[in-house]
Amino acid sequence: MDPLMDSLLENQWKLVTTATRGDGYSEYQVMRQHKAEGKNGWRYLIQQEDADPKGVFLMGCKEGRDPLKDIGTCELKLNEDGTQVLGVDLDGDVAIKI
């Protein structure tokens, strides 16, 4: 697995530690179907245990780089309406949207 920041734009995301990532993260299953959204974004279907799948967008990615490629489960922080990813934690490799 590549480091998370290798796929994210440095002017839109920053690397943090698990201790400083903040609250609001939940564990999600990431479905296999990933769809590019423009040059710098991806649309994912994610699902919490015993919940319906939902679509979310992760914007601020390097062109052609999918930060959740080959990821089955991760912790995500979503915006209030649950449509945009604001934070990603891949087993301690943590980035937050700035």
PDB file of N, CA and C in Angstrom:
ATOM      1  N   MET A   1       0.847  -1.174   0.000  1.00  0.00           N
ATOM      2  CA  MET A   1       0.000   0.000   0.000  1.00  0.00           C
ATOM      3  C   MET A   1       0.896   1.242   0.000  1.00  0.00           C
ATOM      4  N   ASP A   2       0.611   2.167  -0.911  1.00  0.00           N
ATOM      5  CA  ASP A   2       1.361   3.423  -0.993  1.00  0.00           C
ATOM      6  C   ASP A   2       0.979   4.330   0.169  1.00  0.00           C
ATOM      7  N   PRO A   3       1.902   5.188   0.608  1.00  0.00           N
ATOM      8  CA  PRO A   3       1.524   6.176   1.631  1.00  0.00           C
ATOM      9  C   PRO A   3       0.362   7.037   1.132  1.00  0.00           C
ATOM     10  N   LEU A   4      -0.535   7.379   2.025  1.00  0.00           N
ATOM     11  CA  LEU A   4      -1.751   8.109   1.685  1.00  0.00           C
ATOM     12  C   LEU A   4      -1.457   9.421   0.958  1.00  0.00           C
ATOM     13  N   MET A   5      -0.503  10.194   1.432  1.00  0.00           N
ATOM     14  CA  MET A   5      -0.217  11.504   0.842  1.00  0.00           C
ATOM     15  C   MET A   5       0.363  11.405  -0.568  1.00  0.00           C
ATOM     16  N   ASP A   6       0.812  10.218  -0.995  1.00  0.00           N
ATOM     17  CA  ASP A   6       1.272  10.047  -2.376  1.00  0.00           C
ATOM     18  C   ASP A   6       0.134  10.240  -3.367  1.00  0.00           C
ATOM     19  N   SER A   7      -1.121  10.107  -2.907  1.00  0.00           N
ATOM     20  CA  SER A   7      -2.293  10.230  -3.778  1.00  0.00           C
ATOM     21  C   SER A   7      -3.064  11.526  -3.577  1.00  0.00           C
ATOM     22  N   LEU A   8      -2.691  12.328  -2.588  1.00  0.00           N
ATOM     23  CA  LEU A   8      -3.466  13.529  -2.251  1.00  0.00           C
ATOM     24  C   LEU A   8      -2.676  14.801  -2.550  1.00  0.00           C
ATOM     25  N   LEU A   9      -3.395  15.854  -2.924  1.00  0.00           N
ATOM     26  CA  LEU A   9      -2.769  17.148  -3.192  1.00  0.00           C
ATOM     27  C   LEU A   9      -2.360  17.811  -1.873  1.00  0.00           C
ATOM     28  N   GLU A  10      -1.093  18.192  -1.778  1.00  0.00           N
ATOM     29  CA  GLU A  10      -0.558  18.761  -0.542  1.00  0.00           C
ATOM     30  C   GLU A  10      -1.192  20.104  -0.185  1.00  0.00           C
ATOM     31  N   ASN A  11      -1.751  20.818  -1.168  1.00  0.00           N
ATOM     32  CA  ASN A  11      -2.373  22.106  -0.868  1.00  0.00           C
ATOM     33  C   ASN A  11      -3.825  21.959  -0.406  1.00  0.00           C
ATOM     34  N   GLN A  12      -4.340  20.707  -0.374  1.00  0.00           N
ATOM     35  CA  GLN A  12      -5.706  20.473   0.076  1.00  0.00           C
ATOM     36  C   GLN A  12      -5.806  19.492   1.242  1.00  0.00           C
ATOM     37  N   TRP A  13      -4.728  18.762   1.510  1.00  0.00           N
ATOM     38  CA  TRP A  13      -4.707  17.761   2.577  1.00  0.00           C
ATOM     39  C   TRP A  13      -3.424  17.911   3.370  1.00  0.00           C
ATOM     40  N   LYS A  14      -3.475  17.516   4.645  1.00  0.00           N
ATOM     41  CA  LYS A  14      -2.237  17.476   5.428  1.00  0.00           C
ATOM     42  C   LYS A  14      -2.201  16.192   6.240  1.00  0.00           C
ATOM     43  N   LEU A  15      -0.996  15.705   6.428  1.00  0.00           N
ATOM     44  CA  LEU A  15      -0.746  14.508   7.212  1.00  0.00           C
ATOM     45  C   LEU A  15      -0.772  14.875   8.687  1.00  0.00           C
ATOM     46  N   VAL A  16      -1.465  14.075   9.496  1.00  0.00           N
ATOM     47  CA  VAL A  16      -1.514  14.277  10.946  1.00  0.00           C
ATOM     48  C   VAL A  16      -1.294  12.934  11.628  1.00  0.00           C
ATOM     49  N   THR A  17      -1.152  12.969  12.932  1.00  0.00           N
ATOM     50  CA  THR A  17      -1.010  11.730  13.693  1.00  0.00           C
ATOM     51  C   THR A  17      -2.384  11.251  14.149  1.00  0.00           C
ATOM     52  N   THR A  18      -2.460  10.021  14.582  1.00  0.00           N
ATOM     53  CA  THR A  18      -3.730   9.509  15.104  1.00  0.00           C
ATOM     54  C   THR A  18      -4.144  10.278  16.353  1.00  0.00           C
ATOM     55  N   ALA A  19      -3.181  10.777  17.107  1.00  0.00           N
ATOM     56  CA  ALA A  19      -3.497  11.532  18.323  1.00  0.00           C
ATOM     57  C   ALA A  19      -4.076  12.910  18.018  1.00  0.00           C
ATOM     58  N   THR A  20      -3.733  13.477  16.864  1.00  0.00           N
ATOM     59  CA  THR A  20      -4.187  14.835  16.534  1.00  0.00           C
ATOM     60  C   THR A  20      -5.233  14.867  15.422  1.00  0.00           C
ATOM     61  N   ARG A  21      -5.737  13.727  15.016  1.00  0.00           N
ATOM     62  CA  ARG A  21      -6.682  13.687  13.890  1.00  0.00           C
ATOM     63  C   ARG A  21      -8.046  14.260  14.237  1.00  0.00           C
ATOM     64  N   GLY A  22      -8.395  14.283  15.514  1.00  0.00           N
ATOM     65  CA  GLY A  22      -9.697  14.782  15.938  1.00  0.00           C
ATOM     66  C   GLY A  22     -10.739  13.677  15.993  1.00  0.00           C
ATOM     67  N   ASP A  23     -11.968  14.068  16.335  1.00  0.00           N
ATOM     68  CA  ASP A  23     -13.072  13.121  16.484  1.00  0.00           C
ATOM     69  C   ASP A  23     -13.892  13.045  15.202  1.00  0.00           C
ATOM     70  N   GLY A  24     -14.874  12.154  15.221  1.00  0.00           N
ATOM     71  CA  GLY A  24     -15.831  12.075  14.128  1.00  0.00           C
ATOM     72  C   GLY A  24     -15.538  11.011  13.092  1.00  0.00           C
ATOM     73  N   TYR A  25     -14.589  10.131  13.354  1.00  0.00           N
ATOM     74  CA  TYR A  25     -14.261   9.069  12.408  1.00  0.00           C
ATOM     75  C   TYR A  25     -15.112   7.833  12.683  1.00  0.00           C
ATOM     76  N   SER A  26     -15.475   7.139  11.613  1.00  0.00           N
ATOM     77  CA  SER A  26     -16.197   5.873  11.715  1.00  0.00           C
ATOM     78  C   SER A  26     -15.561   4.884  10.755  1.00  0.00           C
ATOM     79  N   GLU A  27     -15.697   3.600  11.081  1.00  0.00           N
ATOM     80  CA  GLU A  27     -15.147   2.561  10.218  1.00  0.00           C
ATOM     81  C   GLU A  27     -16.141   2.224   9.117  1.00  0.00           C
ATOM     82  N   TYR A  28     -15.632   2.125   7.890  1.00  0.00           N
ATOM     83  CA  TYR A  28     -16.459   1.817   6.727  1.00  0.00           C
ATOM     84  C   TYR A  28     -15.818   0.717   5.896  1.00  0.00           C
ATOM     85  N   GLN A  29     -16.658  -0.088   5.273  1.00  0.00           N
ATOM     86  CA  GLN A  29     -16.231  -0.990   4.215  1.00  0.00           C
ATOM     87  C   GLN A  29     -16.229  -0.164   2.934  1.00  0.00           C
ATOM     88  N   VAL A  30     -15.196  -0.269   2.145  1.00  0.00           N
ATOM     89  CA  VAL A  30     -15.112   0.447   0.873  1.00  0.00           C
ATOM     90  C   VAL A  30     -15.400  -0.562  -0.231  1.00  0.00           C
ATOM     91  N   MET A  31     -16.477  -0.331  -0.978  1.00  0.00           N
ATOM     92  CA  MET A  31     -16.852  -1.234  -2.061  1.00  0.00           C
ATOM     93  C   MET A  31     -15.812  -1.149  -3.182  1.00  0.00           C
ATOM     94  N   ARG A  32     -15.779  -2.161  -4.006  1.00  0.00           N
ATOM     95  CA  ARG A  32     -14.758  -2.256  -5.051  1.00  0.00           C
ATOM     96  C   ARG A  32     -14.906  -1.235  -6.170  1.00  0.00           C
ATOM     97  N   GLN A  33     -16.115  -0.740  -6.400  1.00  0.00           N
ATOM     98  CA  GLN A  33     -16.340   0.174  -7.516  1.00  0.00           C
ATOM     99  C   GLN A  33     -15.928   1.600  -7.138  1.00  0.00           C
ATOM    100  N   HIS A  34     -14.863   2.090  -7.771  1.00  0.00           N
ATOM    101  CA  HIS A  34     -14.374   3.452  -7.560  1.00  0.00           C
ATOM    102  C   HIS A  34     -14.520   4.186  -8.891  1.00  0.00           C
ATOM    103  N   LYS A  35     -15.062   5.395  -8.854  1.00  0.00           N
ATOM    104  CA  LYS A  35     -15.291   6.153 -10.084  1.00  0.00           C
ATOM    105  C   LYS A  35     -14.594   7.508  -9.987  1.00  0.00           C
ATOM    106  N   ALA A  36     -13.772   7.813 -10.980  1.00  0.00           N
ATOM    107  CA  ALA A  36     -13.108   9.117 -11.014  1.00  0.00           C
ATOM    108  C   ALA A  36     -14.146  10.212 -11.198  1.00  0.00           C
ATOM    109  N   GLU A  37     -13.975  11.312 -10.452  1.00  0.00           N
ATOM    110  CA  GLU A  37     -14.841  12.495 -10.549  1.00  0.00           C
ATOM    111  C   GLU A  37     -13.965  13.666 -10.965  1.00  0.00           C
ATOM    112  N   GLY A  38     -13.966  13.978 -12.249  1.00  0.00           N
ATOM    113  CA  GLY A  38     -13.093  15.030 -12.743  1.00  0.00           C
ATOM    114  C   GLY A  38     -11.636  14.596 -12.667  1.00  0.00           C
ATOM    115  N   LYS A  39     -10.737  15.570 -12.630  1.00  0.00           N
ATOM    116  CA  LYS A  39      -9.308  15.266 -12.599  1.00  0.00           C
ATOM    117  C   LYS A  39      -8.797  14.977 -11.196  1.00  0.00           C
ATOM    118  N   ASN A  40      -9.480  15.479 -10.173  1.00  0.00           N
ATOM    119  CA  ASN A  40      -8.908  15.409  -8.829  1.00  0.00           C
ATOM    120  C   ASN A  40      -9.842  14.841  -7.777  1.00  0.00           C
ATOM    121  N   GLY A  41     -10.766  13.974  -8.176  1.00  0.00           N
ATOM    122  CA  GLY A  41     -11.678  13.408  -7.192  1.00  0.00           C
ATOM    123  C   GLY A  41     -12.087  11.983  -7.518  1.00  0.00           C
ATOM    124  N   TRP A  42     -12.638  11.316  -6.505  1.00  0.00           N
ATOM    125  CA  TRP A  42     -13.134   9.944  -6.645  1.00  0.00           C
ATOM    126  C   TRP A  42     -14.465   9.821  -5.935  1.00  0.00           C
ATOM    127  N   ARG A  43     -15.330   8.977  -6.487  1.00  0.00           N
ATOM    128  CA  ARG A  43     -16.602   8.640  -5.853  1.00  0.00           C
ATOM    129  C   ARG A  43     -16.511   7.188  -5.405  1.00  0.00           C
ATOM    130  N   TYR A  44     -16.880   6.964  -4.148  1.00  0.00           N
ATOM    131  CA  TYR A  44     -16.839   5.627  -3.564  1.00  0.00           C
ATOM    132  C   TYR A  44     -18.207   5.253  -3.018  1.00  0.00           C
ATOM    133  N   LEU A  45     -18.482   3.966  -3.003  1.00  0.00           N
ATOM    134  CA  LEU A  45     -19.606   3.440  -2.244  1.00  0.00           C
ATOM    135  C   LEU A  45     -19.017   2.875  -0.967  1.00  0.00           C
ATOM    136  N   ILE A  46     -19.529   3.340   0.170  1.00  0.00           N
ATOM    137  CA  ILE A  46     -19.044   2.874   1.465  1.00  0.00           C
ATOM    138  C   ILE A  46     -20.222   2.358   2.275  1.00  0.00           C
ATOM    139  N   GLN A  47     -19.916   1.540   3.273  1.00  0.00           N
ATOM    140  CA  GLN A  47     -20.986   0.965   4.085  1.00  0.00           C
ATOM    141  C   GLN A  47     -20.478   0.677   5.488  1.00  0.00           C
ATOM    142  N   GLN A  48     -21.270   1.107   6.462  1.00  0.00           N
ATOM    143  CA  GLN A  48     -21.007   0.706   7.835  1.00  0.00           C
ATOM    144  C   GLN A  48     -21.714  -0.617   8.076  1.00  0.00           C
ATOM    145  N   GLU A  49     -21.259  -1.352   9.072  1.00  0.00           N
ATOM    146  CA  GLU A  49     -21.864  -2.640   9.396  1.00  0.00           C
ATOM    147  C   GLU A  49     -23.362  -2.468   9.647  1.00  0.00           C
ATOM    148  N   ASP A  50     -24.175  -3.314   9.030  1.00  0.00           N
ATOM    149  CA  ASP A  50     -25.639  -3.316   9.181  1.00  0.00           C
ATOM    150  C   ASP A  50     -26.306  -2.031   8.705  1.00  0.00           C
ATOM    151  N   ALA A  51     -25.703  -1.314   7.774  1.00  0.00           N
ATOM    152  CA  ALA A  51     -26.302  -0.091   7.220  1.00  0.00           C
ATOM    153  C   ALA A  51     -26.312  -0.196   5.696  1.00  0.00           C
ATOM    154  N   ASP A  52     -27.119   0.644   5.067  1.00  0.00           N
ATOM    155  CA  ASP A  52     -27.169   0.674   3.610  1.00  0.00           C
ATOM    156  C   ASP A  52     -25.924   1.361   3.057  1.00  0.00           C
ATOM    157  N   PRO A  53     -25.460   0.935   1.873  1.00  0.00           N
ATOM    158  CA  PRO A  53     -24.334   1.618   1.239  1.00  0.00           C
ATOM    159  C   PRO A  53     -24.712   3.046   0.860  1.00  0.00           C
ATOM    160  N   LYS A  54     -23.700   3.917   0.840  1.00  0.00           N
ATOM    161  CA  LYS A  54     -23.936   5.291   0.396  1.00  0.00           C
ATOM    162  C   LYS A  54     -22.731   5.770  -0.395  1.00  0.00           C
ATOM    163  N   GLY A  55     -22.988   6.714  -1.295  1.00  0.00           N
ATOM    164  CA  GLY A  55     -21.927   7.278  -2.110  1.00  0.00           C
ATOM    165  C   GLY A  55     -21.310   8.490  -1.443  1.00  0.00           C
ATOM    166  N   VAL A  56     -19.986   8.577  -1.497  1.00  0.00           N
ATOM    167  CA  VAL A  56     -19.261   9.732  -0.963  1.00  0.00           C
ATOM    168  C   VAL A  56     -18.190  10.157  -1.970  1.00  0.00           C
ATOM    169  N   PHE A  57     -17.776  11.413  -1.852  1.00  0.00           N
ATOM    170  CA  PHE A  57     -16.742  11.956  -2.727  1.00  0.00           C
ATOM    171  C   PHE A  57     -15.499  12.284  -1.912  1.00  0.00           C
ATOM    172  N   LEU A  58     -14.355  11.932  -2.469  1.00  0.00           N
ATOM    173  CA  LEU A  58     -13.068  12.309  -1.899  1.00  0.00           C
ATOM    174  C   LEU A  58     -12.401  13.208  -2.942  1.00  0.00           C
ATOM    175  N   MET A  59     -12.344  14.498  -2.650  1.00  0.00           N
ATOM    176  CA  MET A  59     -11.801  15.482  -3.581  1.00  0.00           C
ATOM    177  C   MET A  59     -10.407  15.911  -3.118  1.00  0.00           C
ATOM    178  N   GLY A  60      -9.621  16.437  -4.062  1.00  0.00           N
ATOM    179  CA  GLY A  60      -8.269  16.877  -3.733  1.00  0.00           C
ATOM    180  C   GLY A  60      -7.233  15.790  -3.924  1.00  0.00           C
ATOM    181  N   CYS A  61      -7.467  14.920  -4.903  1.00  0.00           N
ATOM    182  CA  CYS A  61      -6.532  13.830  -5.192  1.00  0.00           C
ATOM    183  C   CYS A  61      -5.626  14.214  -6.355  1.00  0.00           C
ATOM    184  N   LYS A  62      -4.440  13.644  -6.376  1.00  0.00           N
ATOM    185  CA  LYS A  62      -3.559  13.825  -7.524  1.00  0.00           C
ATOM    186  C   LYS A  62      -4.194  13.117  -8.720  1.00  0.00           C
ATOM    187  N   GLU A  63      -4.052  13.714  -9.885  1.00  0.00           N
ATOM    188  CA  GLU A  63      -4.694  13.180 -11.083  1.00  0.00           C
ATOM    189  C   GLU A  63      -4.294  11.722 -11.321  1.00  0.00           C
ATOM    190  N   GLY A  64      -5.318  10.879 -11.484  1.00  0.00           N
ATOM    191  CA  GLY A  64      -5.094   9.465 -11.759  1.00  0.00           C
ATOM    192  C   GLY A  64      -4.696   8.630 -10.554  1.00  0.00           C
ATOM    193  N   ARG A  65      -4.650   9.211  -9.358  1.00  0.00           N
ATOM    194  CA  ARG A  65      -4.234   8.483  -8.154  1.00  0.00           C
ATOM    195  C   ARG A  65      -5.437   8.262  -7.248  1.00  0.00           C
ATOM    196  N   ASP A  66      -5.774   7.027  -6.991  1.00  0.00           N
ATOM    197  CA  ASP A  66      -6.905   6.645  -6.147  1.00  0.00           C
ATOM    198  C   ASP A  66      -6.385   6.328  -4.745  1.00  0.00           C
ATOM    199  N   PRO A  67      -6.637   7.205  -3.758  1.00  0.00           N
ATOM    200  CA  PRO A  67      -6.098   6.976  -2.416  1.00  0.00           C
ATOM    201  C   PRO A  67      -6.648   5.735  -1.717  1.00  0.00           C
ATOM    202  N   LEU A  68      -7.815   5.254  -2.137  1.00  0.00           N
ATOM    203  CA  LEU A  68      -8.402   4.078  -1.488  1.00  0.00           C
ATOM    204  C   LEU A  68      -8.328   2.832  -2.369  1.00  0.00           C
ATOM    205  N   LYS A  69      -7.441   2.855  -3.354  1.00  0.00           N
ATOM    206  CA  LYS A  69      -7.251   1.680  -4.208  1.00  0.00           C
ATOM    207  C   LYS A  69      -6.791   0.506  -3.344  1.00  0.00           C
ATOM    208  N   ASP A  70      -7.424  -0.626  -3.540  1.00  0.00           N
ATOM    209  CA  ASP A  70      -7.093  -1.867  -2.818  1.00  0.00           C
ATOM    210  C   ASP A  70      -7.355  -1.784  -1.315  1.00  0.00           C
ATOM    211  N   ILE A  71      -8.175  -0.822  -0.878  1.00  0.00           N
ATOM    212  CA  ILE A  71      -8.528  -0.694   0.539  1.00  0.00           C
ATOM    213  C   ILE A  71      -9.910  -1.303   0.744  1.00  0.00           C
ATOM    214  N   GLY A  72     -10.037  -2.219   1.682  1.00  0.00           N
ATOM    215  CA  GLY A  72     -11.323  -2.848   1.969  1.00  0.00           C
ATOM    216  C   GLY A  72     -12.049  -2.190   3.126  1.00  0.00           C
ATOM    217  N   THR A  73     -11.294  -1.784   4.147  1.00  0.00           N
ATOM    218  CA  THR A  73     -11.865  -1.160   5.336  1.00  0.00           C
ATOM    219  C   THR A  73     -10.962  -0.006   5.764  1.00  0.00           C
ATOM    220  N   CYS A  74     -11.587   1.106   6.147  1.00  0.00           N
ATOM    221  CA  CYS A  74     -10.816   2.236   6.660  1.00  0.00           C
ATOM    222  C   CYS A  74     -11.719   3.093   7.534  1.00  0.00           C
ATOM    223  N   GLU A  75     -11.097   4.021   8.240  1.00  0.00           N
ATOM    224  CA  GLU A  75     -11.852   4.988   9.032  1.00  0.00           C
ATOM    225  C   GLU A  75     -11.919   6.294   8.258  1.00  0.00           C
ATOM    226  N   LEU A  76     -13.143   6.833   8.146  1.00  0.00           N
ATOM    227  CA  LEU A  76     -13.360   8.076   7.422  1.00  0.00           C
ATOM    228  C   LEU A  76     -14.095   9.067   8.301  1.00  0.00           C
ATOM    229  N   LYS A  77     -13.801  10.338   8.086  1.00  0.00           N
ATOM    230  CA  LYS A  77     -14.579  11.419   8.682  1.00  0.00           C
ATOM    231  C   LYS A  77     -15.309  12.096   7.531  1.00  0.00           C
ATOM    232  N   LEU A  78     -16.632  12.211   7.654  1.00  0.00           N
ATOM    233  CA  LEU A  78     -17.456  12.793   6.600  1.00  0.00           C
ATOM    234  C   LEU A  78     -17.990  14.151   7.024  1.00  0.00           C
ATOM    235  N   ASN A  79     -18.400  14.955   6.037  1.00  0.00           N
ATOM    236  CA  ASN A  79     -19.028  16.239   6.346  1.00  0.00           C
ATOM    237  C   ASN A  79     -20.413  15.995   6.944  1.00  0.00           C
ATOM    238  N   GLU A  80     -21.105  17.075   7.321  1.00  0.00           N
ATOM    239  CA  GLU A  80     -22.391  16.948   8.027  1.00  0.00           C
ATOM    240  C   GLU A  80     -23.428  16.139   7.275  1.00  0.00           C
ATOM    241  N   ASP A  81     -23.509  16.327   5.953  1.00  0.00           N
ATOM    242  CA  ASP A  81     -24.525  15.577   5.207  1.00  0.00           C
ATOM    243  C   ASP A  81     -24.022  14.225   4.710  1.00  0.00           C
ATOM    244  N   GLY A  82     -22.796  13.857   5.080  1.00  0.00           N
ATOM    245  CA  GLY A  82     -22.283  12.527   4.783  1.00  0.00           C
ATOM    246  C   GLY A  82     -21.952  12.270   3.331  1.00  0.00           C
ATOM    247  N   THR A  83     -21.606  13.323   2.576  1.00  0.00           N
ATOM    248  CA  THR A  83     -21.321  13.142   1.155  1.00  0.00           C
ATOM    249  C   THR A  83     -19.866  13.402   0.776  1.00  0.00           C
ATOM    250  N   GLN A  84     -19.121  14.088   1.637  1.00  0.00           N
ATOM    251  CA  GLN A  84     -17.729  14.443   1.341  1.00  0.00           C
ATOM    252  C   GLN A  84     -16.804  13.894   2.426  1.00  0.00           C
ATOM    253  N   VAL A  85     -15.680  13.339   2.003  1.00  0.00           N
ATOM    254  CA  VAL A  85     -14.674  12.839   2.938  1.00  0.00           C
ATOM    255  C   VAL A  85     -13.808  14.011   3.395  1.00  0.00           C
ATOM    256  N   LEU A  86     -13.716  14.187   4.716  1.00  0.00           N
ATOM    257  CA  LEU A  86     -12.906  15.254   5.316  1.00  0.00           C
ATOM    258  C   LEU A  86     -11.652  14.720   5.998  1.00  0.00           C
ATOM    259  N   GLY A  87     -11.619  13.412   6.247  1.00  0.00           N
ATOM    260  CA  GLY A  87     -10.472  12.791   6.893  1.00  0.00           C
ATOM    261  C   GLY A  87     -10.404  11.318   6.549  1.00  0.00           C
ATOM    262  N   VAL A  88      -9.179  10.807   6.428  1.00  0.00           N
ATOM    263  CA  VAL A  88      -8.952   9.400   6.097  1.00  0.00           C
ATOM    264  C   VAL A  88      -7.908   8.855   7.058  1.00  0.00           C
ATOM    265  N   ASP A  89      -8.190   7.692   7.640  1.00  0.00           N
ATOM    266  CA  ASP A  89      -7.235   7.002   8.506  1.00  0.00           C
ATOM    267  C   ASP A  89      -7.077   5.580   7.984  1.00  0.00           C
ATOM    268  N   LEU A  90      -5.908   5.307   7.411  1.00  0.00           N
ATOM    269  CA  LEU A  90      -5.584   3.974   6.906  1.00  0.00           C
ATOM    270  C   LEU A  90      -4.574   3.344   7.859  1.00  0.00           C
ATOM    271  N   ASP A  91      -5.069   2.737   8.911  1.00  0.00           N
ATOM    272  CA  ASP A  91      -4.212   2.079   9.908  1.00  0.00           C
ATOM    273  C   ASP A  91      -3.098   2.991  10.410  1.00  0.00           C
ATOM    274  N   GLY A  92      -3.463   4.229  10.780  1.00  0.00           N
ATOM    275  CA  GLY A  92      -2.497   5.160  11.342  1.00  0.00           C
ATOM    276  C   GLY A  92      -1.878   6.117  10.345  1.00  0.00           C
ATOM    277  N   ASP A  93      -2.070   5.889   9.061  1.00  0.00           N
ATOM    278  CA  ASP A  93      -1.661   6.836   8.021  1.00  0.00           C
ATOM    279  C   ASP A  93      -2.852   7.772   7.832  1.00  0.00           C
ATOM    280  N   VAL A  94      -2.778   8.977   8.431  1.00  0.00           N
ATOM    281  CA  VAL A  94      -3.954   9.847   8.557  1.00  0.00           C
ATOM    282  C   VAL A  94      -3.740  11.165   7.821  1.00  0.00           C
ATOM    283  N   ALA A  95      -4.751  11.551   7.031  1.00  0.00           N
ATOM    284  CA  ALA A  95      -4.740  12.851   6.358  1.00  0.00           C
ATOM    285  C   ALA A  95      -6.083  13.523   6.584  1.00  0.00           C
ATOM    286  N   ILE A  96      -6.040  14.851   6.767  1.00  0.00           N
ATOM    287  CA  ILE A  96      -7.272  15.626   6.931  1.00  0.00           C
ATOM    288  C   ILE A  96      -7.315  16.731   5.880  1.00  0.00           C
ATOM    289  N   LYS A  97      -8.533  17.065   5.475  1.00  0.00           N
ATOM    290  CA  LYS A  97      -8.756  18.126   4.481  1.00  0.00           C
ATOM    291  C   LYS A  97      -8.482  19.473   5.146  1.00  0.00           C
ATOM    292  N   ILE A  98      -7.771  20.358   4.430  1.00  0.00           N
ATOM    293  CA  ILE A  98      -7.481  21.688   4.978  1.00  0.00           C
ATOM    294  C   ILE A  98      -8.240  22.756   4.207  1.00  0.00           C
TER     295      ILE A  98
END
